[in-house]
């Protein structure tokens, strides 16, 4: 049973990412939204992820992180992709 983990808090001011990673399983995915996209400023944290992970493009653009997104291994996701991710996973959890 796969889960989409949605992280909307900055990794620099929240433990959401660490909490999420403690329960992530094979087949799960992570979507970074809102201030969660600030994880792009820490490429080492992204490199350590063992699941598929996505960044909401609009939120990255709003925070001036387009270049960081293009240089990362993260998959860019628009709002339509967000809906598809929710539909393609059995569960979704928002970490805030």
C-alpha atoms as a PDB file:
ATOM      1  CA  UNK A   1       0.000   0.000   0.000  1.00  0.00           C
ATOM      2  CA  UNK A   2       1.754   3.171  -1.188  1.00  0.00           C
ATOM      3  CA  UNK A   3       1.526   6.558   0.460  1.00  0.00           C
ATOM      4  CA  UNK A   4       2.050  10.044  -0.913  1.00  0.00           C
ATOM      5  CA  UNK A   5       3.756  12.135   1.763  1.00  0.00           C
ATOM      6  CA  UNK A   6       3.153  15.870   1.297  1.00  0.00           C
ATOM      7  CA  UNK A   7       5.620  18.145   3.065  1.00  0.00           C
ATOM      8  CA  UNK A   8       4.653  21.807   3.214  1.00  0.00           C
ATOM      9  CA  UNK A   9       7.002  23.065   5.939  1.00  0.00           C
ATOM     10  CA  UNK A  10      10.559  24.306   5.552  1.00  0.00           C
ATOM     11  CA  UNK A  11      13.120  21.625   6.422  1.00  0.00           C
ATOM     12  CA  UNK A  12      15.086  24.355   8.211  1.00  0.00           C
ATOM     13  CA  UNK A  13      12.366  25.157  10.735  1.00  0.00           C
ATOM     14  CA  UNK A  14      10.478  21.899  11.044  1.00  0.00           C
ATOM     15  CA  UNK A  15      11.112  18.216  11.637  1.00  0.00           C
ATOM     16  CA  UNK A  16       8.462  17.178   9.105  1.00  0.00           C
ATOM     17  CA  UNK A  17      10.980  15.690   6.677  1.00  0.00           C
ATOM     18  CA  UNK A  18      12.707  13.624   9.366  1.00  0.00           C
ATOM     19  CA  UNK A  19       9.367  12.388  10.707  1.00  0.00           C
ATOM     20  CA  UNK A  20       8.226  11.510   7.206  1.00  0.00           C
ATOM     21  CA  UNK A  21      11.412   9.617   6.399  1.00  0.00           C
ATOM     22  CA  UNK A  22      11.080   7.578   9.583  1.00  0.00           C
ATOM     23  CA  UNK A  23       7.916   5.954   8.215  1.00  0.00           C
ATOM     24  CA  UNK A  24       8.509   6.018   4.433  1.00  0.00           C
ATOM     25  CA  UNK A  25       8.368   2.634   2.737  1.00  0.00           C
ATOM     26  CA  UNK A  26       9.321   1.334  -0.700  1.00  0.00           C
ATOM     27  CA  UNK A  27       6.732   2.523  -3.197  1.00  0.00           C
ATOM     28  CA  UNK A  28       5.971   5.718  -1.281  1.00  0.00           C
ATOM     29  CA  UNK A  29       6.557   9.157  -2.780  1.00  0.00           C
ATOM     30  CA  UNK A  30       7.186  12.609  -1.322  1.00  0.00           C
ATOM     31  CA  UNK A  31       5.770  15.842  -2.721  1.00  0.00           C
ATOM     32  CA  UNK A  32       7.294  19.098  -1.473  1.00  0.00           C
ATOM     33  CA  UNK A  33       4.874  22.048  -1.545  1.00  0.00           C
ATOM     34  CA  UNK A  34       4.681  25.554  -0.087  1.00  0.00           C
ATOM     35  CA  UNK A  35       7.771  26.169   2.114  1.00  0.00           C
ATOM     36  CA  UNK A  36       8.668  22.488   1.819  1.00  0.00           C
ATOM     37  CA  UNK A  37      10.262  23.341  -1.544  1.00  0.00           C
ATOM     38  CA  UNK A  38      13.044  25.075   0.397  1.00  0.00           C
ATOM     39  CA  UNK A  39      14.546  21.586   0.645  1.00  0.00           C
ATOM     40  CA  UNK A  40      16.000  22.441  -2.779  1.00  0.00           C
ATOM     41  CA  UNK A  41      18.527  24.582  -0.897  1.00  0.00           C
ATOM     42  CA  UNK A  42      19.897  21.411   0.716  1.00  0.00           C
ATOM     43  CA  UNK A  43      20.838  19.075  -2.130  1.00  0.00           C
ATOM     44  CA  UNK A  44      22.478  16.650   0.337  1.00  0.00           C
ATOM     45  CA  UNK A  45      19.089  16.041   1.984  1.00  0.00           C
ATOM     46  CA  UNK A  46      17.564  15.282  -1.401  1.00  0.00           C
ATOM     47  CA  UNK A  47      20.400  12.951  -2.385  1.00  0.00           C
ATOM     48  CA  UNK A  48      19.715  10.860   0.728  1.00  0.00           C
ATOM     49  CA  UNK A  49      16.089  10.191  -0.205  1.00  0.00           C
ATOM     50  CA  UNK A  50      15.364   6.579  -1.165  1.00  0.00           C
ATOM     51  CA  UNK A  51      11.875   7.193  -2.586  1.00  0.00           C
ATOM     52  CA  UNK A  52      10.539   9.112  -5.576  1.00  0.00           C
ATOM     53  CA  UNK A  53      10.206  12.785  -4.740  1.00  0.00           C
ATOM     54  CA  UNK A  54       8.574  15.717  -6.462  1.00  0.00           C
ATOM     55  CA  UNK A  55       8.600  19.483  -6.078  1.00  0.00           C
ATOM     56  CA  UNK A  56       5.580  21.619  -6.903  1.00  0.00           C
ATOM     57  CA  UNK A  57       6.896  23.839  -9.671  1.00  0.00           C
ATOM     58  CA  UNK A  58       4.692  26.826  -8.891  1.00  0.00           C
ATOM     59  CA  UNK A  59       5.878  26.928  -5.279  1.00  0.00           C
ATOM     60  CA  UNK A  60       9.533  26.630  -6.324  1.00  0.00           C
ATOM     61  CA  UNK A  61       9.064  29.492  -8.794  1.00  0.00           C
ATOM     62  CA  UNK A  62       7.351  31.651  -6.165  1.00  0.00           C
ATOM     63  CA  UNK A  63      10.431  31.260  -3.961  1.00  0.00           C
ATOM     64  CA  UNK A  64      12.984  31.873  -6.733  1.00  0.00           C
ATOM     65  CA  UNK A  65      14.178  28.260  -6.783  1.00  0.00           C
ATOM     66  CA  UNK A  66      13.749  27.447 -10.487  1.00  0.00           C
ATOM     67  CA  UNK A  67      17.485  26.898 -11.043  1.00  0.00           C
ATOM     68  CA  UNK A  68      17.827  24.774  -7.912  1.00  0.00           C
ATOM     69  CA  UNK A  69      14.939  22.627  -9.149  1.00  0.00           C
ATOM     70  CA  UNK A  70      16.476  22.208 -12.595  1.00  0.00           C
ATOM     71  CA  UNK A  71      19.814  21.149 -11.041  1.00  0.00           C
ATOM     72  CA  UNK A  72      18.278  18.668  -8.605  1.00  0.00           C
ATOM     73  CA  UNK A  73      17.173  15.073  -9.018  1.00  0.00           C
ATOM     74  CA  UNK A  74      13.654  16.104  -7.959  1.00  0.00           C
ATOM     75  CA  UNK A  75      10.850  15.641 -10.437  1.00  0.00           C
ATOM     76  CA  UNK A  76       9.027  18.872 -11.225  1.00  0.00           C
ATOM     77  CA  UNK A  77       5.273  18.610 -10.672  1.00  0.00           C
ATOM     78  CA  UNK A  78       2.480  20.991 -11.631  1.00  0.00           C
ATOM     79  CA  UNK A  79      -0.991  21.050 -10.129  1.00  0.00           C
ATOM     80  CA  UNK A  80      -2.239  18.405 -12.585  1.00  0.00           C
ATOM     81  CA  UNK A  81       0.661  16.175 -11.515  1.00  0.00           C
ATOM     82  CA  UNK A  82      -0.288  16.791  -7.875  1.00  0.00           C
ATOM     83  CA  UNK A  83      -3.765  15.411  -8.564  1.00  0.00           C
ATOM     84  CA  UNK A  84      -2.328  12.417 -10.438  1.00  0.00           C
ATOM     85  CA  UNK A  85       0.028  11.661  -7.540  1.00  0.00           C
ATOM     86  CA  UNK A  86      -2.820  11.699  -5.039  1.00  0.00           C
ATOM     87  CA  UNK A  87      -4.873   9.412  -7.286  1.00  0.00           C
ATOM     88  CA  UNK A  88      -1.998   6.985  -7.899  1.00  0.00           C
ATOM     89  CA  UNK A  89      -1.315   6.349  -4.195  1.00  0.00           C
ATOM     90  CA  UNK A  90      -3.624   4.492  -1.838  1.00  0.00           C
ATOM     91  CA  UNK A  91      -3.069   7.002   0.987  1.00  0.00           C
ATOM     92  CA  UNK A  92      -1.800  10.536   1.366  1.00  0.00           C
ATOM     93  CA  UNK A  93      -0.406  12.220   4.476  1.00  0.00           C
ATOM     94  CA  UNK A  94       0.348  15.902   4.894  1.00  0.00           C
ATOM     95  CA  UNK A  95       3.227  16.608   7.255  1.00  0.00           C
ATOM     96  CA  UNK A  96       2.951  20.042   8.819  1.00  0.00           C
END
